[in-house]
């Protein structure tokens, strides 16, 4: 089981790799608004799959549209392990 701090750090790193902006900025991003377009969404999903060694389902992909949703999802997976 990973600590929430480790999850936060890895998630921050994943977002930074894709969006190339400061943490304060991408925590406000939402899919389909501004810098978070469909291509960035696919790149982010792939990056998180790599960084966390997981695979998203089609259903999960459609729900993961904010930083907070990703964080909650990853914490829930972690709690189940």
N, C-alpha and C. Protein backbone atom coordinates (compact mmCIF):
# COMPACT_ATOMS: atom_id res chain seq x y z
N UNK A 1 0.84 -1.18 0.00
CA UNK A 1 0.00 0.00 0.00
C UNK A 1 0.89 1.25 0.00
N UNK A 2 0.64 2.14 -0.95
CA UNK A 2 1.41 3.37 -1.05
C UNK A 2 0.76 4.44 -0.20
N UNK A 3 1.59 5.29 0.37
CA UNK A 3 1.03 6.39 1.16
C UNK A 3 0.42 7.43 0.23
N UNK A 4 -0.47 8.23 0.77
CA UNK A 4 -1.11 9.27 -0.02
C UNK A 4 -0.10 10.29 -0.51
N UNK A 5 0.96 10.52 0.26
CA UNK A 5 1.99 11.47 -0.17
C UNK A 5 2.73 10.95 -1.41
N UNK A 6 2.98 9.65 -1.45
CA UNK A 6 3.65 9.07 -2.61
C UNK A 6 2.73 9.15 -3.83
N UNK A 7 1.46 8.86 -3.63
CA UNK A 7 0.50 8.97 -4.73
C UNK A 7 0.45 10.40 -5.24
N UNK A 8 0.35 11.36 -4.33
CA UNK A 8 0.32 12.78 -4.72
C UNK A 8 1.56 13.16 -5.52
N UNK A 9 2.70 12.75 -5.04
CA UNK A 9 3.96 13.09 -5.69
C UNK A 9 4.04 12.49 -7.09
N UNK A 10 3.68 11.23 -7.22
CA UNK A 10 3.72 10.57 -8.53
C UNK A 10 2.69 11.17 -9.48
N UNK A 11 1.51 11.50 -8.96
CA UNK A 11 0.48 12.10 -9.80
C UNK A 11 0.91 13.50 -10.25
N UNK A 12 1.49 14.27 -9.35
CA UNK A 12 2.02 15.58 -9.71
C UNK A 12 3.04 15.45 -10.83
N UNK A 13 3.90 14.47 -10.71
CA UNK A 13 4.93 14.24 -11.71
C UNK A 13 4.31 13.87 -13.06
N UNK A 14 3.31 13.03 -13.05
CA UNK A 14 2.62 12.63 -14.29
C UNK A 14 2.00 13.84 -14.97
N UNK A 15 1.29 14.67 -14.20
CA UNK A 15 0.67 15.87 -14.77
C UNK A 15 1.73 16.82 -15.30
N UNK A 16 2.80 16.98 -14.56
CA UNK A 16 3.86 17.89 -15.00
C UNK A 16 4.50 17.42 -16.31
N UNK A 17 4.70 16.13 -16.45
CA UNK A 17 5.29 15.59 -17.68
C UNK A 17 4.42 15.90 -18.90
N UNK A 18 3.11 15.87 -18.71
CA UNK A 18 2.18 16.09 -19.83
C UNK A 18 1.91 17.58 -20.06
N UNK A 19 1.65 18.33 -18.99
CA UNK A 19 1.24 19.72 -19.15
C UNK A 19 2.38 20.73 -19.10
N UNK A 20 3.52 20.33 -18.56
CA UNK A 20 4.70 21.20 -18.50
C UNK A 20 4.40 22.55 -17.84
N UNK A 21 3.60 22.52 -16.79
CA UNK A 21 3.29 23.76 -16.07
C UNK A 21 3.39 23.51 -14.57
N UNK A 22 3.26 24.57 -13.80
CA UNK A 22 3.40 24.45 -12.35
C UNK A 22 2.23 23.67 -11.75
N UNK A 23 2.47 23.11 -10.59
CA UNK A 23 1.46 22.30 -9.91
C UNK A 23 0.18 23.10 -9.67
N UNK A 24 0.31 24.34 -9.29
CA UNK A 24 -0.87 25.15 -9.01
C UNK A 24 -1.77 25.26 -10.23
N UNK A 25 -1.19 25.31 -11.41
CA UNK A 25 -1.99 25.47 -12.63
C UNK A 25 -2.77 24.22 -12.98
N UNK A 26 -2.12 23.07 -13.06
CA UNK A 26 -2.84 21.89 -13.54
C UNK A 26 -3.82 21.32 -12.54
N UNK A 27 -3.70 21.66 -11.29
CA UNK A 27 -4.70 21.19 -10.32
C UNK A 27 -6.05 21.87 -10.58
N UNK A 28 -6.04 22.96 -11.34
CA UNK A 28 -7.26 23.68 -11.70
C UNK A 28 -7.81 23.22 -13.04
N UNK A 29 -7.01 22.50 -13.82
CA UNK A 29 -7.43 22.09 -15.16
C UNK A 29 -8.58 21.10 -15.10
N UNK A 30 -9.39 21.15 -16.14
CA UNK A 30 -10.47 20.19 -16.32
C UNK A 30 -10.47 19.78 -17.79
N UNK A 31 -10.69 18.51 -18.04
CA UNK A 31 -10.71 18.01 -19.41
C UNK A 31 -11.68 18.83 -20.25
N UNK A 32 -11.25 19.16 -21.45
CA UNK A 32 -11.98 19.93 -22.47
C UNK A 32 -11.98 21.43 -22.20
N UNK A 33 -11.24 21.88 -21.21
CA UNK A 33 -11.12 23.32 -20.94
C UNK A 33 -9.67 23.74 -21.09
N UNK A 34 -9.42 24.76 -21.86
CA UNK A 34 -8.08 25.33 -21.97
C UNK A 34 -7.04 24.36 -22.48
N UNK A 35 -6.03 24.11 -21.67
CA UNK A 35 -4.89 23.30 -22.08
C UNK A 35 -5.16 21.80 -22.07
N UNK A 36 -6.26 21.35 -21.50
CA UNK A 36 -6.53 19.92 -21.38
C UNK A 36 -7.49 19.49 -22.48
N UNK A 37 -6.95 19.23 -23.65
CA UNK A 37 -7.76 18.77 -24.78
C UNK A 37 -7.71 17.24 -24.87
N UNK A 38 -8.33 16.69 -25.90
CA UNK A 38 -8.42 15.23 -26.00
C UNK A 38 -7.05 14.57 -26.17
N UNK A 39 -6.15 15.21 -26.89
CA UNK A 39 -4.81 14.65 -27.05
C UNK A 39 -4.04 14.66 -25.73
N UNK A 40 -4.13 15.74 -24.99
CA UNK A 40 -3.49 15.80 -23.66
C UNK A 40 -4.11 14.75 -22.73
N UNK A 41 -5.40 14.54 -22.87
CA UNK A 41 -6.08 13.55 -22.02
C UNK A 41 -5.52 12.14 -22.28
N UNK A 42 -5.37 11.79 -23.55
CA UNK A 42 -4.80 10.49 -23.90
C UNK A 42 -3.37 10.39 -23.40
N UNK A 43 -2.59 11.44 -23.61
CA UNK A 43 -1.19 11.45 -23.14
C UNK A 43 -1.11 11.31 -21.62
N UNK A 44 -2.01 11.98 -20.92
CA UNK A 44 -2.04 11.90 -19.46
C UNK A 44 -2.41 10.50 -18.99
N UNK A 45 -3.41 9.91 -19.61
CA UNK A 45 -3.81 8.55 -19.26
C UNK A 45 -2.65 7.57 -19.45
N UNK A 46 -1.97 7.70 -20.56
CA UNK A 46 -0.83 6.82 -20.83
C UNK A 46 0.28 7.05 -19.81
N UNK A 47 0.57 8.31 -19.51
CA UNK A 47 1.63 8.62 -18.56
C UNK A 47 1.30 8.06 -17.17
N UNK A 48 0.06 8.19 -16.74
CA UNK A 48 -0.34 7.67 -15.43
C UNK A 48 -0.31 6.15 -15.43
N UNK A 49 -0.73 5.53 -16.52
CA UNK A 49 -0.63 4.07 -16.60
C UNK A 49 0.82 3.61 -16.45
N UNK A 50 1.73 4.33 -17.07
CA UNK A 50 3.15 3.99 -16.97
C UNK A 50 3.66 4.23 -15.54
N UNK A 51 3.39 5.41 -15.02
CA UNK A 51 3.92 5.78 -13.70
C UNK A 51 3.35 4.94 -12.56
N UNK A 52 2.11 4.48 -12.71
CA UNK A 52 1.46 3.72 -11.63
C UNK A 52 1.31 2.23 -11.96
N UNK A 53 1.79 1.83 -13.11
CA UNK A 53 1.74 0.44 -13.54
C UNK A 53 0.31 -0.11 -13.45
N UNK A 54 -0.59 0.52 -14.19
CA UNK A 54 -1.99 0.10 -14.23
C UNK A 54 -2.55 0.33 -15.62
N UNK A 55 -3.75 -0.18 -15.85
CA UNK A 55 -4.48 0.02 -17.10
C UNK A 55 -5.88 0.51 -16.76
N UNK A 56 -6.32 1.56 -17.46
CA UNK A 56 -7.66 2.10 -17.25
C UNK A 56 -8.66 1.36 -18.14
N UNK A 57 -9.88 1.21 -17.65
CA UNK A 57 -10.96 0.68 -18.48
C UNK A 57 -11.59 1.85 -19.23
N UNK A 58 -12.40 1.54 -20.23
CA UNK A 58 -13.11 2.59 -20.98
C UNK A 58 -14.00 3.40 -20.06
N UNK A 59 -14.64 2.74 -19.14
CA UNK A 59 -15.53 3.40 -18.20
C UNK A 59 -14.75 4.37 -17.29
N UNK A 60 -13.60 3.96 -16.83
CA UNK A 60 -12.78 4.81 -15.96
C UNK A 60 -12.29 6.05 -16.71
N UNK A 61 -11.89 5.85 -17.95
CA UNK A 61 -11.35 6.95 -18.76
C UNK A 61 -12.35 8.10 -18.85
N UNK A 62 -13.61 7.78 -19.03
CA UNK A 62 -14.62 8.83 -19.20
C UNK A 62 -14.91 9.59 -17.90
N UNK A 63 -14.55 9.02 -16.77
CA UNK A 63 -14.81 9.66 -15.48
C UNK A 63 -13.62 10.48 -14.96
N UNK A 64 -12.44 10.20 -15.47
CA UNK A 64 -11.22 10.85 -14.97
C UNK A 64 -10.98 12.14 -15.73
N UNK A 65 -11.65 13.23 -15.28
CA UNK A 65 -11.60 14.48 -16.03
C UNK A 65 -11.04 15.66 -15.24
N UNK A 66 -10.57 15.41 -14.03
CA UNK A 66 -9.91 16.46 -13.24
C UNK A 66 -8.77 15.83 -12.45
N UNK A 67 -7.88 16.67 -11.97
CA UNK A 67 -6.79 16.21 -11.12
C UNK A 67 -7.36 15.46 -9.91
N UNK A 68 -8.36 16.05 -9.29
CA UNK A 68 -8.95 15.46 -8.08
C UNK A 68 -9.56 14.08 -8.37
N UNK A 69 -10.22 13.93 -9.52
CA UNK A 69 -10.80 12.63 -9.88
C UNK A 69 -9.70 11.57 -10.03
N UNK A 70 -8.58 11.94 -10.67
CA UNK A 70 -7.46 11.01 -10.78
C UNK A 70 -6.94 10.65 -9.39
N UNK A 71 -6.78 11.64 -8.55
CA UNK A 71 -6.25 11.41 -7.20
C UNK A 71 -7.16 10.47 -6.42
N UNK A 72 -8.45 10.73 -6.44
CA UNK A 72 -9.41 9.87 -5.73
C UNK A 72 -9.38 8.45 -6.28
N UNK A 73 -9.33 8.31 -7.58
CA UNK A 73 -9.27 7.00 -8.21
C UNK A 73 -8.04 6.22 -7.74
N UNK A 74 -6.89 6.86 -7.78
CA UNK A 74 -5.64 6.21 -7.39
C UNK A 74 -5.63 5.84 -5.91
N UNK A 75 -6.18 6.70 -5.08
CA UNK A 75 -6.25 6.40 -3.65
C UNK A 75 -7.20 5.23 -3.39
N UNK A 76 -8.31 5.16 -4.13
CA UNK A 76 -9.25 4.05 -3.97
C UNK A 76 -8.62 2.72 -4.39
N UNK A 77 -7.89 2.73 -5.47
CA UNK A 77 -7.18 1.53 -5.90
C UNK A 77 -6.17 1.10 -4.83
N UNK A 78 -5.46 2.07 -4.31
CA UNK A 78 -4.47 1.81 -3.29
C UNK A 78 -5.09 1.20 -2.04
N UNK A 79 -6.25 1.70 -1.65
CA UNK A 79 -6.94 1.20 -0.46
C UNK A 79 -7.39 -0.24 -0.63
N UNK A 80 -7.65 -0.66 -1.87
CA UNK A 80 -8.12 -2.02 -2.14
C UNK A 80 -6.98 -3.04 -2.13
N UNK A 81 -5.75 -2.57 -2.24
CA UNK A 81 -4.60 -3.50 -2.27
C UNK A 81 -4.25 -3.96 -0.88
